[in-house]
Amino acid sequence: MDVVLALREDGTPSVRKLLSVVPFTSVSNRWGEEIYFTAPFHSELEADARAIMQVGDAAYWPDGDAIALFFGRTPASTDDRPRAYGPCNIIGKVEGDPFRLTRVASGSAVVVRAF
C-alpha cells in the first residue's frame, strides 16, 4: 500500500533532514493506532513539538529517530486523540484516508521516497 504524506512547507529542520536522506527503507511497527518506523537521521526537538496528535498527523520522534503516522488512539491516549510516546516534531499529514493504515502490520517493509 502506498501512503502519501503532504510535508510541511515551512522548511522545518526535521523535514529538511528527512528530504536529505530519501530514499530509504525501514520496517513498520504498530503501537495502538500508530505506525512508526526508524529513519536514518536525527533532528532535535523543535519549538512546536507536541505529544497530542490529530488523526492523520505525520511526526518525527527525536528520542527514537522514528517517523510516526497517527490514525487513532495509542496506548498513551487519555481520550480519543492519538498521543505519542513523547513530544514529536510535526512533519506533515497523511493524504487521503489515514484509516487505511489499519491494514499495515508490524514487520511490513517501508520504502520512503520523494516525488
N, C-alpha and C. Protein backbone atom coordinates (compact mmCIF):
# COMPACT_ATOMS: atom_id res chain seq x y z
N MET A 1 0.85 -1.18 0.00
CA MET A 1 0.00 0.00 0.00
C MET A 1 0.89 1.24 0.00
N ASP A 2 0.56 2.19 -0.84
CA ASP A 2 1.27 3.46 -0.86
C ASP A 2 0.56 4.45 0.06
N VAL A 3 1.35 5.16 0.84
CA VAL A 3 0.84 6.22 1.69
C VAL A 3 1.60 7.48 1.30
N VAL A 4 0.89 8.52 0.97
CA VAL A 4 1.50 9.78 0.56
C VAL A 4 1.37 10.76 1.71
N LEU A 5 2.47 11.44 2.00
CA LEU A 5 2.48 12.47 3.03
C LEU A 5 2.59 13.83 2.38
N ALA A 6 1.81 14.77 2.86
CA ALA A 6 1.96 16.17 2.49
C ALA A 6 2.85 16.78 3.56
N LEU A 7 4.11 17.03 3.21
CA LEU A 7 5.05 17.56 4.20
C LEU A 7 4.83 19.05 4.42
N ARG A 8 5.20 19.48 5.63
CA ARG A 8 5.10 20.91 5.95
C ARG A 8 5.93 21.70 4.94
N GLU A 9 5.42 22.83 4.56
CA GLU A 9 6.10 23.66 3.56
C GLU A 9 6.95 24.76 4.18
N ASP A 10 6.99 24.82 5.51
CA ASP A 10 7.72 25.91 6.16
C ASP A 10 9.18 25.55 6.44
N GLY A 11 9.67 24.44 5.88
CA GLY A 11 11.09 24.13 5.94
C GLY A 11 11.65 23.85 7.32
N THR A 12 10.94 23.07 8.13
CA THR A 12 11.45 22.76 9.46
C THR A 12 12.72 21.92 9.35
N PRO A 13 13.57 21.94 10.36
CA PRO A 13 14.79 21.11 10.32
C PRO A 13 14.49 19.62 10.10
N SER A 14 13.45 19.10 10.72
CA SER A 14 13.13 17.68 10.56
C SER A 14 12.73 17.35 9.12
N VAL A 15 11.94 18.21 8.50
CA VAL A 15 11.55 17.98 7.10
C VAL A 15 12.77 18.07 6.20
N ARG A 16 13.63 19.05 6.41
CA ARG A 16 14.84 19.17 5.58
C ARG A 16 15.72 17.94 5.71
N LYS A 17 15.90 17.46 6.94
CA LYS A 17 16.74 16.28 7.15
C LYS A 17 16.11 15.04 6.53
N LEU A 18 14.79 14.89 6.65
CA LEU A 18 14.11 13.77 6.02
C LEU A 18 14.35 13.78 4.52
N LEU A 19 14.15 14.92 3.89
CA LEU A 19 14.33 15.02 2.44
C LEU A 19 15.78 14.77 2.01
N SER A 20 16.73 15.02 2.92
CA SER A 20 18.14 14.81 2.57
C SER A 20 18.55 13.33 2.57
N VAL A 21 17.72 12.45 3.15
CA VAL A 21 18.09 11.02 3.24
C VAL A 21 17.23 10.11 2.37
N VAL A 22 16.20 10.64 1.72
CA VAL A 22 15.38 9.78 0.88
C VAL A 22 16.13 9.46 -0.40
N PRO A 23 15.95 8.30 -0.96
CA PRO A 23 15.08 7.22 -0.49
C PRO A 23 15.77 6.38 0.58
N PHE A 24 14.95 5.73 1.43
CA PHE A 24 15.46 4.78 2.40
C PHE A 24 14.39 3.74 2.69
N THR A 25 14.82 2.63 3.24
CA THR A 25 13.93 1.53 3.59
C THR A 25 13.96 1.31 5.08
N SER A 26 12.82 0.96 5.66
CA SER A 26 12.71 0.69 7.09
C SER A 26 11.68 -0.42 7.28
N VAL A 27 11.34 -0.67 8.54
CA VAL A 27 10.36 -1.71 8.88
C VAL A 27 9.33 -1.09 9.81
N SER A 28 8.04 -1.34 9.53
CA SER A 28 6.97 -0.75 10.33
C SER A 28 6.78 -1.45 11.66
N ASN A 29 6.32 -0.68 12.61
CA ASN A 29 5.92 -1.16 13.93
C ASN A 29 4.56 -0.56 14.23
N ARG A 30 3.72 -1.31 14.94
CA ARG A 30 2.40 -0.80 15.36
C ARG A 30 2.45 -0.52 16.85
N TRP A 31 1.84 0.60 17.24
CA TRP A 31 1.67 0.93 18.65
C TRP A 31 0.27 1.49 18.76
N GLY A 32 -0.67 0.62 19.07
CA GLY A 32 -2.07 1.03 19.02
C GLY A 32 -2.43 1.40 17.60
N GLU A 33 -3.00 2.57 17.42
CA GLU A 33 -3.37 3.04 16.09
C GLU A 33 -2.34 4.07 15.59
N GLU A 34 -1.11 3.65 15.67
CA GLU A 34 0.04 4.42 15.18
C GLU A 34 0.96 3.44 14.46
N ILE A 35 1.49 3.87 13.35
CA ILE A 35 2.54 3.15 12.64
C ILE A 35 3.80 3.99 12.84
N TYR A 36 4.91 3.35 13.20
CA TYR A 36 6.17 4.08 13.26
C TYR A 36 7.28 3.23 12.69
N PHE A 37 8.33 3.91 12.25
CA PHE A 37 9.49 3.22 11.67
C PHE A 37 10.72 4.11 11.84
N THR A 38 11.87 3.48 11.98
CA THR A 38 13.10 4.24 12.18
C THR A 38 13.48 4.97 10.90
N ALA A 39 14.13 6.09 11.09
CA ALA A 39 14.60 6.92 9.99
C ALA A 39 16.10 7.15 10.16
N PRO A 40 16.86 7.21 9.05
CA PRO A 40 18.32 7.32 9.15
C PRO A 40 18.82 8.76 9.33
N PHE A 41 18.23 9.48 10.24
CA PHE A 41 18.69 10.83 10.54
C PHE A 41 18.28 11.17 11.96
N HIS A 42 18.89 12.22 12.48
CA HIS A 42 18.48 12.72 13.79
C HIS A 42 18.22 14.21 13.66
N SER A 43 17.16 14.65 14.31
CA SER A 43 16.81 16.07 14.38
C SER A 43 16.39 16.35 15.82
N GLU A 44 16.73 17.51 16.30
CA GLU A 44 16.39 17.89 17.67
C GLU A 44 14.91 18.26 17.77
N LEU A 45 14.41 18.26 19.00
CA LEU A 45 13.05 18.68 19.28
C LEU A 45 12.86 20.13 18.84
N GLU A 46 11.78 20.40 18.13
CA GLU A 46 11.51 21.74 17.62
C GLU A 46 10.54 22.49 18.54
N ALA A 47 10.47 23.79 18.38
CA ALA A 47 9.69 24.64 19.29
C ALA A 47 8.21 24.26 19.32
N ASP A 48 7.66 23.77 18.21
CA ASP A 48 6.23 23.45 18.18
C ASP A 48 5.96 21.95 18.35
N ALA A 49 6.93 21.22 18.89
CA ALA A 49 6.75 19.78 19.12
C ALA A 49 5.61 19.55 20.11
N ARG A 50 4.94 18.39 19.94
CA ARG A 50 3.84 18.06 20.85
C ARG A 50 3.64 16.56 20.89
N ALA A 51 2.92 16.11 21.91
CA ALA A 51 2.59 14.69 22.05
C ALA A 51 1.15 14.41 21.65
N ILE A 52 0.25 15.37 21.87
CA ILE A 52 -1.15 15.20 21.48
C ILE A 52 -1.24 15.44 19.97
N MET A 53 -1.74 14.44 19.27
CA MET A 53 -1.80 14.49 17.81
C MET A 53 -3.23 14.55 17.32
N GLN A 54 -3.36 14.73 16.02
CA GLN A 54 -4.63 14.62 15.33
C GLN A 54 -4.55 13.40 14.42
N VAL A 55 -5.68 12.78 14.17
CA VAL A 55 -5.71 11.68 13.22
C VAL A 55 -5.17 12.20 11.89
N GLY A 56 -4.22 11.47 11.32
CA GLY A 56 -3.62 11.86 10.05
C GLY A 56 -2.30 12.59 10.19
N ASP A 57 -1.91 12.97 11.41
CA ASP A 57 -0.63 13.64 11.59
C ASP A 57 0.53 12.70 11.28
N ALA A 58 1.58 13.27 10.70
CA ALA A 58 2.85 12.58 10.49
C ALA A 58 3.87 13.35 11.32
N ALA A 59 4.65 12.63 12.11
CA ALA A 59 5.57 13.29 13.04
C ALA A 59 6.90 12.57 13.09
N TYR A 60 7.92 13.30 13.54
CA TYR A 60 9.25 12.72 13.76
C TYR A 60 9.48 12.72 15.27
N TRP A 61 9.85 11.55 15.79
CA TRP A 61 10.10 11.39 17.23
C TRP A 61 11.61 11.38 17.46
N PRO A 62 12.18 12.48 17.99
CA PRO A 62 13.62 12.57 18.17
C PRO A 62 14.21 11.53 19.12
N ASP A 63 13.48 11.14 20.16
CA ASP A 63 14.02 10.17 21.11
C ASP A 63 14.27 8.81 20.48
N GLY A 64 13.56 8.49 19.42
CA GLY A 64 13.72 7.18 18.78
C GLY A 64 14.15 7.26 17.33
N ASP A 65 14.47 8.47 16.86
CA ASP A 65 14.80 8.67 15.44
C ASP A 65 13.81 7.92 14.56
N ALA A 66 12.52 8.19 14.78
CA ALA A 66 11.46 7.46 14.09
C ALA A 66 10.42 8.43 13.54
N ILE A 67 9.79 7.98 12.47
CA ILE A 67 8.66 8.69 11.90
C ILE A 67 7.40 7.94 12.32
N ALA A 68 6.39 8.68 12.75
CA ALA A 68 5.14 8.09 13.23
C ALA A 68 3.97 8.66 12.45
N LEU A 69 3.04 7.77 12.10
CA LEU A 69 1.82 8.14 11.40
C LEU A 69 0.65 7.76 12.29
N PHE A 70 -0.20 8.71 12.61
CA PHE A 70 -1.26 8.50 13.60
C PHE A 70 -2.62 8.37 12.92
N PHE A 71 -3.38 7.33 13.33
CA PHE A 71 -4.72 7.15 12.78
C PHE A 71 -5.75 6.81 13.85
N GLY A 72 -5.41 7.00 15.12
CA GLY A 72 -6.35 6.77 16.22
C GLY A 72 -5.63 6.72 17.55
N ARG A 73 -6.28 6.11 18.52
CA ARG A 73 -5.76 6.03 19.89
C ARG A 73 -4.48 5.20 19.95
N THR A 74 -3.60 5.59 20.84
CA THR A 74 -2.40 4.83 21.14
C THR A 74 -2.47 4.40 22.61
N PRO A 75 -1.58 3.52 23.06
CA PRO A 75 -1.59 3.14 24.48
C PRO A 75 -1.41 4.32 25.44
N ALA A 76 -0.85 5.43 24.96
CA ALA A 76 -0.66 6.61 25.81
C ALA A 76 -1.87 7.54 25.81
N SER A 77 -2.86 7.29 24.96
CA SER A 77 -4.03 8.17 24.85
C SER A 77 -4.82 8.20 26.15
N THR A 78 -5.31 9.38 26.49
CA THR A 78 -6.18 9.53 27.66
C THR A 78 -7.59 9.92 27.24
N ASP A 79 -7.79 10.16 25.95
CA ASP A 79 -9.10 10.42 25.36
C ASP A 79 -9.08 9.85 23.95
N ASP A 80 -9.92 10.32 23.07
CA ASP A 80 -10.00 9.76 21.72
C ASP A 80 -8.87 10.22 20.79
N ARG A 81 -8.07 11.17 21.22
CA ARG A 81 -7.00 11.68 20.37
C ARG A 81 -5.77 10.78 20.44
N PRO A 82 -5.04 10.68 19.32
CA PRO A 82 -3.77 9.97 19.38
C PRO A 82 -2.79 10.73 20.28
N ARG A 83 -2.02 9.98 21.03
CA ARG A 83 -0.97 10.59 21.86
C ARG A 83 0.31 9.84 21.60
N ALA A 84 1.35 10.57 21.23
CA ALA A 84 2.66 9.98 21.00
C ALA A 84 3.30 9.58 22.33
N TYR A 85 4.29 8.72 22.26
CA TYR A 85 5.02 8.28 23.45
C TYR A 85 5.70 9.46 24.13
N GLY A 86 6.13 10.40 23.33
CA GLY A 86 6.77 11.62 23.83
C GLY A 86 6.63 12.71 22.79
N PRO A 87 7.11 13.91 23.08
CA PRO A 87 6.96 15.01 22.13
C PRO A 87 7.58 14.67 20.78
N CYS A 88 6.88 15.09 19.72
CA CYS A 88 7.30 14.84 18.35
C CYS A 88 7.25 16.13 17.55
N ASN A 89 8.09 16.20 16.53
CA ASN A 89 8.07 17.31 15.58
C ASN A 89 7.07 16.96 14.48
N ILE A 90 6.12 17.83 14.24
CA ILE A 90 5.14 17.59 13.19
C ILE A 90 5.82 17.81 11.84
N ILE A 91 5.74 16.78 10.97
CA ILE A 91 6.37 16.91 9.66
C ILE A 91 5.35 17.01 8.53
N GLY A 92 4.09 16.68 8.81
CA GLY A 92 3.09 16.78 7.75
C GLY A 92 1.82 16.03 8.10
N LYS A 93 1.09 15.66 7.04
CA LYS A 93 -0.20 14.96 7.16
C LYS A 93 -0.24 13.82 6.16
N VAL A 94 -0.95 12.76 6.54
CA VAL A 94 -1.24 11.67 5.62
C VAL A 94 -2.29 12.18 4.64
N GLU A 95 -2.03 12.04 3.35
CA GLU A 95 -3.03 12.43 2.36
C GLU A 95 -4.05 11.32 2.22
N GLY A 96 -5.29 11.69 2.00
CA GLY A 96 -6.35 10.70 1.87
C GLY A 96 -6.80 10.19 3.23
N ASP A 97 -7.36 9.00 3.23
CA ASP A 97 -7.94 8.41 4.44
C ASP A 97 -6.86 7.77 5.32
N PRO A 98 -6.53 8.37 6.47
CA PRO A 98 -5.49 7.79 7.33
C PRO A 98 -5.90 6.44 7.92
N PHE A 99 -7.19 6.12 7.93
CA PHE A 99 -7.64 4.85 8.50
C PHE A 99 -7.21 3.65 7.64
N ARG A 100 -6.72 3.92 6.42
CA ARG A 100 -6.15 2.84 5.60
C ARG A 100 -4.95 2.20 6.31
N LEU A 101 -4.33 2.95 7.19
CA LEU A 101 -3.16 2.45 7.90
C LEU A 101 -3.48 1.26 8.80
N THR A 102 -4.74 1.02 9.08
CA THR A 102 -5.11 -0.14 9.90
C THR A 102 -4.66 -1.44 9.24
N ARG A 103 -4.44 -1.43 7.94
CA ARG A 103 -4.03 -2.64 7.21
C ARG A 103 -2.53 -2.90 7.28
N VAL A 104 -1.76 -1.97 7.85
CA VAL A 104 -0.31 -2.14 7.93
C VAL A 104 0.03 -2.90 9.20
N ALA A 105 0.72 -4.01 9.06
CA ALA A 105 1.12 -4.83 10.20
C ALA A 105 2.56 -4.54 10.60
N SER A 106 2.88 -4.78 11.86
CA SER A 106 4.28 -4.70 12.29
C SER A 106 5.10 -5.65 11.43
N GLY A 107 6.28 -5.20 11.08
CA GLY A 107 7.18 -6.02 10.27
C GLY A 107 7.06 -5.79 8.79
N SER A 108 6.11 -4.96 8.37
CA SER A 108 5.96 -4.65 6.94
C SER A 108 7.11 -3.75 6.50
N ALA A 109 7.57 -3.96 5.28
CA ALA A 109 8.62 -3.10 4.72
C ALA A 109 8.05 -1.71 4.43
N VAL A 110 8.87 -0.72 4.67
CA VAL A 110 8.51 0.67 4.40
C VAL A 110 9.58 1.25 3.48
N VAL A 111 9.17 1.80 2.37
CA VAL A 111 10.08 2.49 1.46
C VAL A 111 9.67 3.95 1.45
N VAL A 112 10.59 4.82 1.80
CA VAL A 112 10.31 6.25 1.84
C VAL A 112 11.05 6.90 0.68
N ARG A 113 10.29 7.62 -0.12
CA ARG A 113 10.90 8.29 -1.27
C ARG A 113 10.19 9.62 -1.52
N ALA A 114 10.87 10.50 -2.20
CA ALA A 114 10.28 11.80 -2.56
C ALA A 114 9.87 11.75 -4.02
N PHE A 115 8.85 12.52 -4.34
CA PHE A 115 8.46 12.64 -5.75
C PHE A 115 7.89 14.01 -6.00
